[in-house]
Protein backbone atom coordinates (compact mmCIF):
# COMPACT_ATOMS: atom_id res chain seq x y z
CA MET A 1 -3.63 -0.66 13.74
CA ARG A 2 -0.44 -0.38 15.67
CA LEU A 3 2.79 -0.13 14.27
CA ASP A 4 4.31 1.33 17.48
CA GLY A 5 8.28 -0.42 17.67
CA VAL A 6 8.62 -0.89 13.82
CA ARG A 7 11.24 1.19 12.77
CA VAL A 8 11.69 2.79 9.26
CA LEU A 9 14.63 3.95 6.93
CA ASP A 10 13.06 6.50 4.49
CA LEU A 11 15.66 6.52 1.68
CA SER A 12 12.78 8.29 -0.77
CA GLN A 13 11.71 11.80 -1.66
CA LEU A 14 9.10 14.52 -2.83
CA LEU A 15 5.28 12.35 -2.84
CA PRO A 16 5.40 8.67 -4.06
CA GLY A 17 7.87 7.09 -1.58
CA PRO A 18 7.12 9.86 1.23
CA TYR A 19 3.29 9.21 1.28
CA ALA A 20 4.00 5.68 1.81
CA THR A 21 5.95 6.25 4.69
CA GLN A 22 3.86 8.73 5.88
CA LEU A 23 1.08 6.17 6.08
CA LEU A 24 3.19 4.09 8.14
CA ALA A 25 3.94 6.89 10.74
CA ASP A 26 0.35 7.34 11.06
CA ALA A 27 -0.21 3.87 11.58
CA GLY A 28 2.97 4.31 14.62
CA ALA A 29 6.11 3.25 12.96
CA ASP A 30 8.89 5.50 13.61
CA VAL A 31 9.84 6.86 10.81
CA ILE A 32 13.97 7.96 9.52
CA LYS A 33 14.12 9.88 6.79
CA VAL A 34 17.77 9.56 5.31
CA GLU A 35 18.26 12.57 3.37
CA THR A 36 21.28 13.51 1.24
CA ALA A 37 23.82 15.89 3.87
CA ASP A 38 23.52 18.83 1.46
CA VAL A 39 20.30 20.13 0.78
CA GLY A 40 17.98 17.29 1.74
CA ASP A 41 14.71 16.28 0.23
CA GLY A 42 13.78 18.40 -2.55
CA ALA A 43 10.17 18.69 -1.72
CA ARG A 44 11.60 21.08 1.58
CA TYR A 45 11.72 24.13 -0.47
CA SER A 46 9.14 23.20 -3.56
CA PRO A 47 6.24 25.98 -3.65
CA PRO A 48 3.39 26.57 -2.50
CA GLN A 49 4.70 27.15 0.81
CA THR A 50 3.89 27.28 4.24
CA GLU A 51 3.97 29.97 6.66
CA ASP A 52 7.24 28.49 8.03
CA GLY A 53 8.48 28.34 4.40
CA VAL A 54 8.51 24.59 4.51
CA GLY A 55 6.96 23.51 1.27
CA ALA A 56 3.59 22.36 1.40
CA LEU A 57 3.60 18.89 0.03
CA PHE A 58 7.19 18.53 2.12
CA ASP A 59 5.46 19.38 5.13
CA ALA A 60 1.92 17.22 4.08
CA VAL A 61 3.53 13.81 3.77
CA ASN A 62 6.52 13.98 6.61
CA ARG A 63 4.75 14.69 9.63
CA GLY A 64 6.11 12.87 12.79
CA LYS A 65 9.18 11.39 11.12
CA ARG A 66 13.13 12.19 12.08
CA SER A 67 15.77 13.36 9.59
CA VAL A 68 19.04 11.94 9.57
CA ALA A 69 21.50 13.89 6.89
CA LEU A 70 23.95 11.81 5.51
CA ASP A 71 26.48 11.63 2.44
CA LEU A 72 25.84 8.15 1.71
CA LYS A 73 28.89 8.26 -1.07
CA ASP A 74 31.33 8.82 1.55
CA GLU A 75 32.96 5.01 3.26
CA GLU A 76 31.66 6.54 6.71
CA GLY A 77 28.49 8.37 5.81
CA HIS A 78 27.68 4.87 4.32
CA GLU A 79 28.83 2.83 7.42
CA ALA A 80 26.71 4.68 9.63
CA PHE A 81 23.58 4.43 7.28
CA MET A 82 24.27 0.73 7.94
CA GLN A 83 24.57 0.87 11.25
CA LEU A 84 21.33 2.07 11.57
CA ALA A 85 19.86 -0.79 9.07
CA GLU A 86 20.97 -2.75 12.07
CA THR A 87 18.17 -1.94 14.30
CA ALA A 88 15.65 -1.44 11.36
CA ASP A 89 12.56 -3.27 10.43
CA VAL A 90 12.46 -1.50 7.07
CA VAL A 91 14.42 0.49 4.13
CA PHE A 92 12.26 2.19 1.62
CA GLU A 93 14.19 3.60 -1.10
CA GLN A 94 12.55 5.08 -4.99
CA PHE A 95 15.77 5.66 -6.84
CA ARG A 96 16.04 4.69 -10.32
CA PRO A 97 16.53 0.71 -10.43
CA GLY A 98 21.01 0.51 -9.65
CA VAL A 99 21.32 3.41 -7.78
CA VAL A 100 21.25 2.15 -4.22
CA ASP A 101 23.48 -1.00 -5.31
CA ARG A 102 26.08 1.81 -6.73
CA LEU A 103 25.80 3.23 -3.01
CA GLY A 104 26.09 -0.05 -1.49
CA VAL A 105 22.76 0.86 0.32
CA ASP A 106 20.97 -2.63 -1.85
CA TYR A 107 19.07 -5.06 -0.72
CA GLU A 108 22.00 -7.83 -0.89
CA SER A 109 24.13 -5.49 0.98
CA VAL A 110 21.92 -4.58 3.88
CA ARG A 111 20.86 -8.05 4.33
CA GLU A 112 24.20 -9.01 4.97
CA ARG A 113 23.94 -6.49 8.34
CA ASN A 114 20.38 -7.38 9.03
CA SER A 115 18.80 -10.36 7.78
CA ASP A 116 15.25 -9.55 8.66
CA ILE A 117 14.95 -6.77 6.71
CA VAL A 118 11.96 -6.05 4.38
CA TYR A 119 13.10 -3.92 1.44
CA CYS A 120 11.21 -2.32 -0.84
CA SER A 121 11.73 -0.05 -3.97
CA LEU A 122 9.29 1.64 -5.61
CA THR A 123 9.48 2.84 -9.43
CA GLY A 124 7.79 3.93 -12.25
CA PHE A 125 8.70 0.71 -14.13
CA GLY A 126 9.80 -1.75 -11.77
CA GLN A 127 13.30 -3.54 -11.26
CA ALA A 128 13.02 -5.94 -14.22
CA GLY A 129 11.77 -5.42 -17.71
CA PRO A 130 11.94 -2.97 -21.21
CA HIS A 131 11.63 -0.04 -19.07
CA GLU A 132 13.21 -0.17 -15.78
CA ASP A 133 15.94 2.20 -16.80
CA ARG A 134 13.55 4.54 -18.15
CA VAL A 135 12.30 8.26 -16.57
CA GLY A 136 8.79 9.03 -15.59
CA HIS A 137 6.65 11.29 -13.75
CA ASP A 138 3.02 10.33 -12.96
CA LEU A 139 1.59 10.95 -16.27
CA ASN A 140 3.60 8.94 -18.07
CA TYR A 141 2.29 5.87 -16.11
CA ILE A 142 -0.99 6.52 -16.04
CA GLY A 143 -0.83 6.97 -19.52
CA MET A 144 1.01 3.45 -20.42
CA ALA A 145 -1.04 1.59 -18.18
CA GLY A 146 -4.17 2.66 -20.02
CA LEU A 147 -5.74 4.94 -17.47
CA LEU A 148 -5.47 8.08 -19.23
CA ASP A 149 -7.22 7.06 -22.35
CA MET A 150 -10.22 6.38 -20.26
CA THR A 151 -10.52 9.83 -18.96
CA ARG A 152 -12.48 11.47 -22.18
CA GLU A 153 -15.88 11.10 -22.62
CA ASP A 154 -14.99 9.51 -26.37
CA PRO A 155 -12.32 8.38 -28.57
CA ASP A 156 -12.55 11.79 -30.70
CA MET A 157 -11.95 14.08 -27.60
CA ALA A 158 -8.39 14.22 -25.91
CA PRO A 159 -7.55 12.45 -23.26
CA GLN A 160 -8.35 14.38 -19.24
CA ILE A 161 -5.28 14.98 -16.76
CA PRO A 162 -6.88 13.69 -13.29
CA GLY A 163 -6.84 16.18 -10.81
CA TYR A 164 -4.98 14.43 -8.32
CA PRO A 165 -1.29 12.28 -9.52
CA VAL A 166 -3.06 9.13 -9.31
CA ALA A 167 0.34 6.64 -10.17
CA ASP A 168 1.83 8.78 -7.16
CA MET A 169 -0.65 8.27 -4.38
CA ALA A 170 -1.53 4.38 -5.40
CA GLY A 171 2.20 3.58 -5.97
CA GLY A 172 2.53 4.69 -2.24
CA LEU A 173 -0.27 3.34 -1.01
CA LEU A 174 0.22 -0.04 -2.67
CA SER A 175 3.93 0.01 -0.48
CA ALA A 176 2.72 0.67 2.47
CA PHE A 177 0.59 -2.37 1.90
CA GLY A 178 3.46 -4.65 1.11
CA ILE A 179 5.42 -3.44 3.58
CA VAL A 180 3.35 -4.17 6.33
CA GLY A 181 2.26 -7.56 4.49
CA ALA A 182 6.08 -8.61 4.39
CA LEU A 183 6.24 -7.59 8.19
CA ALA A 184 3.01 -9.83 9.02
CA SER A 185 4.64 -12.28 6.99
CA ARG A 186 8.13 -12.24 8.93
CA GLU A 187 5.99 -12.07 11.91
CA LEU A 188 3.97 -15.34 11.61
CA GLY A 189 6.62 -17.19 10.51
CA ASN A 190 6.11 -17.58 7.36
CA THR A 191 8.98 -15.49 5.71
CA GLY A 192 11.92 -13.83 7.11
CA GLY A 193 13.07 -10.65 5.75
CA GLU A 194 12.19 -9.83 1.75
CA TYR A 195 12.39 -7.64 -1.24
CA VAL A 196 9.45 -5.73 -2.21
CA ASP A 197 9.25 -4.40 -5.75
CA VAL A 198 6.60 -2.19 -6.63
CA ALA A 199 6.39 -0.67 -9.81
CA MET A 200 3.66 2.73 -10.47
CA THR A 201 2.79 1.09 -13.64
CA ASP A 202 1.88 -1.94 -12.54
CA VAL A 203 -0.48 -0.82 -9.48
CA ILE A 204 -2.49 1.61 -11.74
CA LEU A 205 -2.97 -1.35 -14.53
CA SER A 206 -3.91 -2.83 -11.71
CA PHE A 207 -6.93 -0.49 -10.85
CA SER A 208 -8.13 -1.41 -14.61
CA GLN A 209 -9.94 -4.72 -13.60
CA ALA A 210 -13.56 -3.52 -14.36
CA VAL A 211 -12.27 -2.77 -17.99
CA ALA A 212 -9.46 -5.91 -17.87
CA HIS A 213 -11.93 -8.77 -19.58
CA GLU A 214 -12.56 -7.05 -22.40
CA GLY A 215 -9.59 -5.96 -23.01
CA LEU A 216 -8.05 -9.65 -22.27
CA THR A 217 -10.15 -11.66 -24.48
CA GLY A 218 -9.75 -9.83 -27.53
CA GLY A 219 -12.01 -6.37 -27.41
CA ASP A 220 -10.40 -2.89 -26.41
CA PRO A 221 -12.06 -1.19 -24.06
CA ARG A 222 -13.21 2.52 -24.86
CA PRO A 223 -13.57 5.74 -23.48
CA GLY A 224 -17.52 6.52 -22.61
CA ALA A 225 -17.82 3.24 -24.39
CA THR A 226 -18.11 0.73 -20.96
CA THR A 227 -20.39 0.85 -18.02
CA LEU A 228 -18.43 2.58 -15.73
CA SER A 229 -17.42 5.27 -17.98
CA GLY A 230 -19.63 6.95 -19.54
CA GLN A 231 -21.56 4.48 -21.91
CA LEU A 232 -25.11 4.76 -19.42
CA PRO A 233 -26.55 7.96 -18.93
CA TRP A 234 -27.90 6.83 -15.50
CA TYR A 235 -24.25 6.85 -14.23
CA ASP A 236 -22.74 10.09 -15.67
CA VAL A 237 -22.22 13.19 -14.84
CA TYR A 238 -24.83 16.69 -15.57
CA GLU A 239 -24.58 20.21 -15.16
CA THR A 240 -26.54 22.02 -13.07
CA ALA A 241 -28.39 25.53 -13.12
CA ASP A 242 -25.94 27.21 -11.57
CA GLY A 243 -23.23 25.73 -13.76
CA GLU A 244 -21.99 23.19 -11.34
CA TYR A 245 -22.08 19.34 -11.74
CA VAL A 246 -24.00 16.62 -10.10
CA THR A 247 -23.06 13.00 -10.44
CA ILE A 248 -25.78 10.18 -10.76
CA ALA A 249 -24.49 6.38 -10.68
CA ALA A 250 -27.96 4.51 -10.38
CA LEU A 251 -26.59 1.18 -11.96
CA GLU A 252 -28.82 -1.25 -9.79
CA PRO A 253 -32.40 -0.89 -11.31
CA LYS A 254 -33.63 -0.36 -7.10
CA PHE A 255 -32.00 3.15 -7.39
CA TRP A 256 -32.90 4.03 -10.76
CA GLN A 257 -36.51 3.25 -10.20
CA THR A 258 -35.99 5.48 -6.61
CA PHE A 259 -34.44 8.51 -9.21
CA CYS A 260 -37.09 8.22 -11.77
CA GLU A 261 -40.04 8.73 -8.75
CA ALA A 262 -38.43 11.20 -6.74
CA VAL A 263 -38.37 13.70 -9.84
CA GLY A 264 -41.69 12.58 -11.31
CA ARG A 265 -40.02 10.87 -13.94
CA GLU A 266 -41.45 6.85 -13.60
CA ASP A 267 -41.77 6.88 -17.63
CA LEU A 268 -38.43 6.45 -17.43
CA VAL A 269 -38.15 3.51 -15.18
CA ASP A 270 -38.16 0.94 -18.00
CA SER A 271 -35.60 2.36 -19.88
CA HIS A 272 -33.18 0.86 -17.75
CA THR A 273 -33.21 -2.45 -19.32
CA THR A 274 -32.50 -1.27 -22.60
CA ASP A 275 -29.62 -1.53 -24.76
CA ASP A 276 -31.00 0.34 -27.83
CA PRO A 277 -28.21 3.54 -28.66
CA ALA A 278 -30.89 5.70 -29.61
CA GLU A 279 -32.81 5.12 -26.50
CA LEU A 280 -29.71 6.48 -23.99
CA ALA A 281 -28.93 8.88 -26.05
CA ALA A 282 -33.20 9.79 -25.46
CA VAL A 283 -32.39 9.10 -22.17
CA ARG A 284 -29.47 10.80 -21.74
CA ALA A 285 -31.17 14.28 -23.08
CA GLU A 286 -33.97 13.54 -20.41
CA LEU A 287 -31.41 13.79 -17.90
CA GLU A 288 -29.62 17.09 -19.20
CA GLU A 289 -32.85 19.14 -18.94
CA ILE A 290 -34.19 17.46 -15.58
CA PHE A 291 -30.65 18.44 -14.14
CA ALA A 292 -30.52 21.48 -15.41
CA GLY A 293 -33.67 22.56 -14.12
CA LYS A 294 -32.22 23.43 -10.77
CA THR A 295 -28.86 24.18 -8.35
CA ARG A 296 -26.29 21.85 -7.51
CA ALA A 297 -27.41 22.54 -4.07
CA GLU A 298 -30.68 22.16 -4.55
CA TRP A 299 -30.19 18.59 -6.07
CA GLU A 300 -28.22 17.73 -2.75
CA GLU A 301 -31.53 19.01 -0.97
CA GLU A 302 -33.97 17.58 -2.45
CA LEU A 303 -31.98 13.66 -3.20
CA GLY A 304 -29.16 14.02 -1.16
CA ASP A 305 -30.33 11.52 1.60
CA VAL A 306 -32.27 9.23 -1.10
CA GLU A 307 -31.59 6.62 -1.86
CA ALA A 308 -31.22 7.72 -6.06
CA MET A 309 -27.77 7.59 -5.97
CA VAL A 310 -26.78 11.73 -6.63
CA ALA A 311 -24.25 13.28 -5.32
CA PRO A 312 -22.75 17.06 -5.83
CA VAL A 313 -19.31 17.23 -7.73
CA ARG A 314 -17.38 19.33 -5.37
CA THR A 315 -14.03 21.16 -5.60
CA PRO A 316 -11.36 19.97 -3.20
CA ALA A 317 -11.80 22.80 -0.75
CA GLU A 318 -15.49 22.15 -0.76
CA ALA A 319 -14.74 18.37 0.19
CA TYR A 320 -12.18 19.74 3.01
CA ASP A 321 -15.15 21.63 4.37
CA SER A 322 -18.08 19.19 3.60
CA ASP A 323 -19.66 17.66 6.72
CA HIS A 324 -18.71 14.43 5.85
CA VAL A 325 -14.65 15.39 6.09
CA GLU A 326 -15.89 16.79 9.67
CA ALA A 327 -17.73 13.85 10.57
CA ARG A 328 -14.57 11.87 10.22
CA GLU A 329 -12.08 13.99 11.78
CA MET A 330 -10.19 13.68 8.05
CA ILE A 331 -8.46 16.99 8.47
CA ASP A 332 -5.43 16.80 11.43
CA GLU A 333 -5.16 20.24 12.84
CA SER A 334 -2.80 18.86 15.93
CA THR A 335 -0.13 20.98 14.20
CA GLU A 336 0.11 24.36 13.01
CA THR A 337 -0.36 23.88 9.22
CA PRO A 338 -3.56 21.27 8.84
CA ARG A 339 -3.22 18.39 6.72
CA ILE A 340 -5.52 15.33 5.52
CA GLY A 341 -5.10 12.97 8.20
CA PHE A 342 -4.62 8.76 8.03
CA PRO A 343 -7.61 7.78 6.10
CA VAL A 344 -8.42 4.44 8.46
CA HIS A 345 -10.38 4.30 11.41
CA SER A 346 -9.15 1.53 14.12
CA SER A 347 -10.98 0.27 17.21
CA GLU A 348 -7.43 0.08 18.34
CA PRO A 349 -6.04 3.58 16.83
CA ALA A 350 -2.34 4.33 17.04
CA GLU A 351 -0.70 7.53 18.58
CA GLY A 352 -0.17 8.74 15.02
CA ALA A 353 2.13 11.40 13.40
CA ARG A 354 1.36 14.03 16.08
CA ALA A 355 4.69 16.46 15.48
CA GLY A 356 5.36 18.65 12.10
CA PRO A 357 7.95 17.50 9.42
CA PRO A 358 11.72 17.26 10.93
CA GLY A 359 13.90 19.82 10.29
CA HIS A 360 16.97 19.15 7.55
CA GLY A 361 18.97 16.19 9.38
CA ALA A 362 17.42 17.58 12.77
CA ASP A 363 17.28 13.78 14.52
CA THR A 364 21.25 13.49 12.88
CA ARG A 365 23.03 13.23 16.36
CA ASP A 366 20.63 11.37 18.60
CA LEU A 367 20.10 8.96 15.93
CA LEU A 368 24.00 8.22 15.38
CA ALA A 369 24.43 8.64 19.20
CA GLU A 370 21.87 5.53 19.61
CA ALA A 371 24.22 3.61 17.46
CA GLY A 372 27.08 4.06 19.14
CA TYR A 373 29.00 7.04 17.99
CA ASP A 374 30.26 9.32 20.53
CA ASP A 375 30.44 13.09 20.54
CA GLU A 376 34.33 13.59 19.20
CA ASP A 377 32.69 11.00 16.15
CA LEU A 378 30.15 13.36 15.21
CA ASP A 379 31.82 16.22 15.58
CA ARG A 380 34.92 14.80 12.85
CA LEU A 381 32.02 13.52 10.94
CA ALA A 382 29.81 16.88 10.53
CA GLU A 383 33.19 18.88 9.60
CA ASP A 384 34.23 16.79 7.39
CA GLY A 385 30.45 17.31 5.70
CA VAL A 386 29.29 13.45 5.63
CA LEU A 387 26.70 14.95 8.40
CA GLY A 388 24.37 17.48 7.82
CA GLU A 389 22.75 19.26 10.55
């Protein structure tokens, strides 16, 4: 999986867009952050910060990129961007609809200078629709797409905010997928350059496949009442003797039978076929008592390597320190501050992003020199405030 030679101009900030382009950088792409000439990406300064005083989030999703700082509202800053766009394969932006048009860096404008460009826009609600101009964050998107409603045990409880910003990360992931798909399509000769419109709300809606049939055919999937949301006692979360938790996901009869045999409760095997609410409640009560009898570590020791579909509920820190993460080499420690690495293993891996995040505008002069600007031009533009260095 090698994107060596692919150049990406990244206009995005904060999390969703930079995560998308971090995946591309980890796959070998040359990602150039296009930042404002004054302060750049606001995530640079947001707490918590690394020991170097860099925002930890910025550090995590901007590794190995380069930074050019331009005032796109200035005519010369705009032209500098366009000259860079002529050498790019991808332009990626995350503004509200209409902003790139006002800045003159929209798809049609860039396409006039580079007809083969792949141009991706990531927003909350897409480029067209009743909410295209609506502001939002991750919580708003998962609420409107139905995910937040399904985070509770039953409809009488309040929805629970997921611990990770699901829409942000999923939106970034699908943007990277859309970009790579468009690049492949271009290289295969199926298309030239193209425009890719990704809405985070759409992505989360796509994640609802497990309950979509019921919802699309007159039903209304409710939390705690579907196969994967706690309706079945053998697909649920249980507290252990030490106040920790484990999961059991024995949906298939063979795994349920293995579990029942492992805990000495063969009498529960036949209950796997029941849909009687009273019997389901009785099985859940039995499982609560069973799991409360041992600690999380003891259950992991007893059932971790048994095909019973039981696993511990870990904190993020525990997950990072786990044998699985170590074996999969998921923590990248190639720079001073460790980060989560590229989650795809390939027989042809890219070199990946081995440098830390760029300083604000650190590569402005080098990149514009490559585009044909001489030192006199660059000095003048810097004096005029068009460049940030």
